[in-house]
Amino acid sequence: MNLYQLAGTVCTAGILILSQGALSQSALAQEAITVAWRIKPPHQYLENGVEKGVLLERAKQVFSTAQIPHRFVEEPAKRIWSNFSGGAKNYCSFGWYRIAEREALVQFSEIFHTDPPHTLLVSPAAAKQVAAHRTLKSLMSDPNLTLGVVDAVSYGPELDTMFTTTKNKVERSTTLPMIMARMVAANRASYMLIDREDWEYLKDKEESLSQTTQMDLQGMPAGLNRYIVCSKDVSVEQMRKINTALLKIYPVKK
């Protein structure tokens, strides 16, 4: 083999290697993103095995419009954030508040949803005692009351901080909000803070909550924005596509 033939062979081999590398990168870019979601009616839930909920449908529409390969899986909140902490790749979720400790784990989309303020769900046994307080700050300074808190999720920075300084007894449980609501109905906790939209859905579905009372007190923080969150390896281009689709589907005035 002369020098010209050798050079041609080396050049051809180099092109093949580069082509294979480009194909590998293309295949990696097209790897389906896992979109994990937690059960939280009425936003996202299962009914007779059928996936339902306005935010679940919105998320599906966003990823379809963005034309990003994806698959949706239902997972508990604690597992979702454990996956993010463990460095899960090509992994997204939706409906989460933007809080400081999550910044190092995920990248955030444009605004996905804006909540109304939380409200109180009060147990039958504690209704009079809770109603005696005019403000949320006063309520949380009462050592004779028990506050029910759903663990592994955030209620937003302001409420999370209040939970750490409350004088109430605190009943924590890694469970669904609807289960905590049943605990309040059974007088296992004096009250809980609940998403107003969750309560509007549950009050007509859960007969066990018929003896509970919904109350609003002064000092409740404003409702917060929720976001789609994705692992750090999701590319800038993929996040751009997600945000472009989201702004078409859920335009927000800034």
Protein backbone atom coordinates (compact mmCIF):
# COMPACT_ATOMS: atom_id res chain seq x y z
CA MET A 1 0.00 0.00 0.00
CA ASN A 2 1.50 3.35 -1.02
CA LEU A 3 1.32 6.55 0.99
CA TYR A 4 -1.67 7.88 -0.95
CA GLN A 5 -3.66 4.69 -0.34
CA LEU A 6 -2.73 4.72 3.36
CA ALA A 7 -3.79 8.33 3.70
CA GLY A 8 -7.08 7.54 2.02
CA THR A 9 -7.71 4.61 4.34
CA VAL A 10 -6.96 6.69 7.44
CA CYS A 11 -9.21 9.49 6.20
CA THR A 12 -12.07 7.07 5.53
CA ALA A 13 -11.68 5.51 8.98
CA GLY A 14 -11.70 8.95 10.57
CA ILE A 15 -14.91 9.90 8.77
CA LEU A 16 -16.56 6.67 9.93
CA ILE A 17 -15.54 7.30 13.55
CA LEU A 18 -16.83 10.88 13.40
CA SER A 19 -20.06 9.70 11.78
CA GLN A 20 -20.58 7.05 14.44
CA GLY A 21 -19.92 9.65 17.13
CA ALA A 22 -22.47 11.99 15.58
CA LEU A 23 -25.00 9.18 15.39
CA SER A 24 -24.36 8.30 19.04
CA GLN A 25 -24.90 11.94 20.06
CA SER A 26 -28.06 12.08 17.95
CA ALA A 27 -29.38 8.89 19.54
CA LEU A 28 -28.58 10.27 22.99
CA ALA A 29 -30.38 13.53 22.18
CA GLN A 30 -33.44 11.55 21.11
CA GLU A 31 -33.51 9.35 24.21
CA ALA A 32 -36.95 9.65 25.77
CA ILE A 33 -37.28 11.93 28.76
CA THR A 34 -39.03 10.37 31.73
CA VAL A 35 -41.70 12.76 33.06
CA ALA A 36 -42.58 11.72 36.61
CA TRP A 37 -45.76 12.91 38.27
CA ARG A 38 -47.22 12.51 41.75
CA ILE A 39 -50.86 11.87 42.54
CA LYS A 40 -52.46 15.16 43.60
CA PRO A 41 -56.12 15.50 42.64
CA PRO A 42 -57.57 17.48 40.99
CA HIS A 43 -54.32 18.45 39.27
CA GLN A 44 -53.13 14.93 38.48
CA TYR A 45 -54.59 11.59 39.52
CA LEU A 46 -55.81 8.15 38.48
CA GLU A 47 -59.50 7.27 38.21
CA ASN A 48 -60.21 3.61 37.47
CA GLY A 49 -56.74 3.36 36.02
CA VAL A 50 -57.23 6.36 33.72
CA GLU A 51 -54.84 9.31 34.04
CA LYS A 52 -56.71 12.56 34.65
CA GLY A 53 -56.19 16.11 35.86
CA VAL A 54 -55.74 19.55 34.35
CA LEU A 55 -52.02 19.81 35.09
CA LEU A 56 -51.30 16.28 33.89
CA GLU A 57 -53.05 17.09 30.62
CA ARG A 58 -51.19 20.40 30.37
CA ALA A 59 -47.83 18.67 30.88
CA LYS A 60 -48.63 16.06 28.22
CA GLN A 61 -49.59 18.83 25.82
CA VAL A 62 -46.35 20.72 26.54
CA PHE A 63 -44.07 17.75 25.83
CA SER A 64 -46.04 16.73 22.75
CA THR A 65 -46.00 20.29 21.38
CA ALA A 66 -42.27 20.52 22.11
CA GLN A 67 -41.81 17.35 20.02
CA ILE A 68 -39.48 15.82 22.59
CA PRO A 69 -39.57 12.01 22.98
CA HIS A 70 -41.01 11.30 26.42
CA ARG A 71 -42.85 8.88 28.65
CA PHE A 72 -45.01 9.69 31.69
CA VAL A 73 -44.72 7.66 34.90
CA GLU A 74 -46.55 8.04 38.21
CA GLU A 75 -44.20 8.09 41.21
CA PRO A 76 -44.48 9.28 44.86
CA ALA A 77 -43.10 12.74 45.61
CA LYS A 78 -40.35 11.36 47.85
CA ARG A 79 -39.10 9.05 45.10
CA ILE A 80 -39.16 11.83 42.51
CA TRP A 81 -36.87 14.05 44.57
CA SER A 82 -34.71 11.08 45.56
CA ASN A 83 -34.23 10.43 41.84
CA PHE A 84 -33.21 14.03 41.25
CA SER A 85 -30.82 13.88 44.22
CA GLY A 86 -29.36 10.64 42.89
CA GLY A 87 -28.54 12.19 39.53
CA ALA A 88 -31.27 10.66 37.38
CA LYS A 89 -30.71 11.41 33.69
CA ASN A 90 -33.26 12.62 31.12
CA TYR A 91 -35.72 13.12 33.97
CA CYS A 92 -38.40 15.78 34.45
CA SER A 93 -41.41 16.35 36.67
CA PHE A 94 -44.00 19.11 36.98
CA GLY A 95 -46.09 21.09 39.43
CA TRP A 96 -43.29 22.04 41.85
CA TYR A 97 -42.50 25.24 43.72
CA ARG A 98 -39.17 26.98 43.18
CA ILE A 99 -37.29 26.79 46.48
CA ALA A 100 -33.60 27.34 47.19
CA GLU A 101 -32.59 23.74 47.96
CA ARG A 102 -33.91 22.55 44.60
CA GLU A 103 -31.82 24.98 42.55
CA ALA A 104 -28.73 22.74 42.77
CA LEU A 105 -30.68 19.66 41.66
CA VAL A 106 -32.85 20.79 38.76
CA GLN A 107 -33.45 23.44 36.14
CA PHE A 108 -36.79 25.24 36.11
CA SER A 109 -39.11 26.01 33.24
CA GLU A 110 -41.20 29.10 32.70
CA ILE A 111 -44.28 29.30 34.98
CA PHE A 112 -46.40 26.17 34.61
CA HIS A 113 -49.26 27.06 36.99
CA THR A 114 -50.09 29.65 39.64
CA ASP A 115 -51.85 28.55 42.82
CA PRO A 116 -54.43 30.49 44.80
CA PRO A 117 -53.50 30.93 48.49
CA HIS A 118 -53.72 27.88 50.75
CA THR A 119 -56.71 27.48 53.04
CA LEU A 120 -57.23 25.70 56.37
CA LEU A 121 -59.01 22.39 56.85
CA VAL A 122 -60.04 22.05 60.49
CA SER A 123 -61.05 18.96 62.45
CA PRO A 124 -64.48 18.68 64.11
CA ALA A 125 -62.93 18.67 67.60
CA ALA A 126 -60.80 21.79 67.05
CA ALA A 127 -63.20 24.02 65.08
CA LYS A 128 -64.01 26.42 67.94
CA GLN A 129 -60.40 26.65 69.12
CA VAL A 130 -59.09 27.40 65.62
CA ALA A 131 -61.87 29.94 64.97
CA ALA A 132 -60.76 31.85 68.06
CA HIS A 133 -57.62 32.93 66.20
CA ARG A 134 -57.78 35.82 63.74
CA THR A 135 -54.38 35.35 62.11
CA LEU A 136 -52.27 32.44 60.92
CA LYS A 137 -49.40 33.62 63.10
CA SER A 138 -51.62 33.50 66.18
CA LEU A 139 -52.91 30.06 65.22
CA MET A 140 -49.39 28.68 64.92
CA SER A 141 -48.46 30.01 68.34
CA ASP A 142 -51.12 27.87 70.06
CA PRO A 143 -49.42 24.90 71.78
CA ASN A 144 -52.75 23.14 72.34
CA LEU A 145 -53.31 22.52 68.62
CA THR A 146 -51.80 19.88 66.33
CA LEU A 147 -50.79 20.86 62.81
CA GLY A 148 -50.88 18.14 60.15
CA VAL A 149 -48.04 18.42 57.62
CA VAL A 150 -47.50 16.34 54.48
CA ASP A 151 -43.79 15.49 54.40
CA ALA A 152 -41.54 15.28 51.32
CA VAL A 153 -43.20 18.26 49.65
CA SER A 154 -42.89 22.03 50.05
CA TYR A 155 -45.69 24.42 50.96
CA GLY A 156 -43.53 27.32 49.75
CA PRO A 157 -40.65 29.08 51.55
CA GLU A 158 -42.81 31.19 53.88
CA LEU A 159 -45.02 28.37 55.14
CA ASP A 160 -42.12 25.90 55.34
CA THR A 161 -40.34 28.35 57.66
CA MET A 162 -43.47 28.82 59.77
CA PHE A 163 -43.72 25.05 60.19
CA THR A 164 -40.22 24.92 61.68
CA THR A 165 -41.01 27.64 64.24
CA THR A 166 -44.62 26.80 65.10
CA LYS A 167 -45.60 26.26 68.72
CA ASN A 168 -48.24 23.76 67.58
CA LYS A 169 -47.62 20.08 67.98
CA VAL A 170 -46.79 18.76 64.50
CA GLU A 171 -48.12 15.53 62.99
CA ARG A 172 -45.94 14.75 59.98
CA SER A 173 -46.70 12.01 57.48
CA THR A 174 -45.25 11.06 54.10
CA THR A 175 -48.64 10.60 52.54
CA LEU A 176 -51.02 12.14 50.04
CA PRO A 177 -52.82 15.40 50.95
CA MET A 178 -56.16 13.55 50.76
CA ILE A 179 -54.91 11.07 53.39
CA MET A 180 -53.83 13.91 55.66
CA ALA A 181 -57.29 15.43 55.18
CA ARG A 182 -58.81 12.17 56.41
CA MET A 183 -56.49 12.30 59.44
CA VAL A 184 -57.83 15.79 60.20
CA ALA A 185 -61.39 14.50 59.82
CA ALA A 186 -60.57 11.74 62.33
CA ASN A 187 -59.20 14.35 64.80
CA ARG A 188 -55.64 12.99 64.53
CA ALA A 189 -54.60 16.57 63.74
CA SER A 190 -56.39 19.81 64.64
CA TYR A 191 -55.92 21.32 61.20
CA MET A 192 -53.85 21.30 58.02
CA LEU A 193 -53.05 23.76 55.27
CA ILE A 194 -54.42 22.53 51.98
CA ASP A 195 -54.34 23.79 48.40
CA ARG A 196 -57.65 25.53 47.80
CA GLU A 197 -58.13 23.68 44.51
CA ASP A 198 -57.46 20.36 46.27
CA TRP A 199 -60.16 21.19 48.83
CA GLU A 200 -62.70 22.21 46.18
CA TYR A 201 -62.21 18.80 44.60
CA LEU A 202 -62.12 16.70 47.77
CA LYS A 203 -65.11 18.22 49.57
CA ASP A 204 -67.51 16.75 47.02
CA LYS A 205 -65.69 13.42 46.70
CA GLU A 206 -64.83 12.49 50.29
CA GLU A 207 -67.83 11.86 52.53
CA SER A 208 -65.46 11.42 55.48
CA LEU A 209 -64.67 15.17 55.30
CA SER A 210 -68.26 16.29 55.79
CA GLN A 211 -67.68 17.22 59.44
CA THR A 212 -64.50 19.21 58.80
CA THR A 213 -64.52 23.00 58.40
CA GLN A 214 -62.72 25.10 55.82
CA MET A 215 -61.47 28.42 57.22
CA ASP A 216 -59.41 31.41 56.05
CA LEU A 217 -57.34 33.52 58.43
CA GLN A 218 -55.42 36.73 57.93
CA GLY A 219 -51.75 36.36 57.07
CA MET A 220 -51.97 33.47 54.64
CA PRO A 221 -49.15 33.83 52.08
CA ALA A 222 -50.06 34.52 48.46
CA GLY A 223 -50.36 31.58 46.11
CA LEU A 224 -47.09 30.52 44.45
CA ASN A 225 -46.02 29.59 40.96
CA ARG A 226 -45.37 25.98 40.01
CA TYR A 227 -42.86 24.84 37.41
CA ILE A 228 -41.71 21.96 35.25
CA VAL A 229 -38.35 20.79 36.63
CA CYS A 230 -35.74 18.79 34.73
CA SER A 231 -32.44 17.15 35.55
CA LYS A 232 -29.33 19.18 34.77
CA ASP A 233 -28.40 16.99 31.78
CA VAL A 234 -31.53 17.96 29.83
CA SER A 235 -30.09 20.17 27.11
CA VAL A 236 -30.52 23.91 26.67
CA GLU A 237 -32.28 23.23 23.38
CA GLN A 238 -34.73 20.80 24.99
CA MET A 239 -35.51 23.30 27.76
CA ARG A 240 -36.02 25.98 25.11
CA LYS A 241 -38.53 23.75 23.32
CA ILE A 242 -40.33 23.00 26.60
CA ASN A 243 -40.56 26.71 27.46
CA THR A 244 -41.68 27.71 23.97
CA ALA A 245 -44.46 25.10 24.07
CA LEU A 246 -45.42 26.06 27.63
CA LEU A 247 -45.75 29.76 26.81
CA LYS A 248 -48.09 28.90 23.96
CA ILE A 249 -50.25 26.66 26.14
CA TYR A 250 -50.13 28.66 29.40
CA PRO A 251 -49.20 32.27 28.59
CA VAL A 252 -48.34 34.30 31.69
CA LYS A 253 -48.35 38.08 31.92
CA LYS A 254 -45.07 39.25 33.49
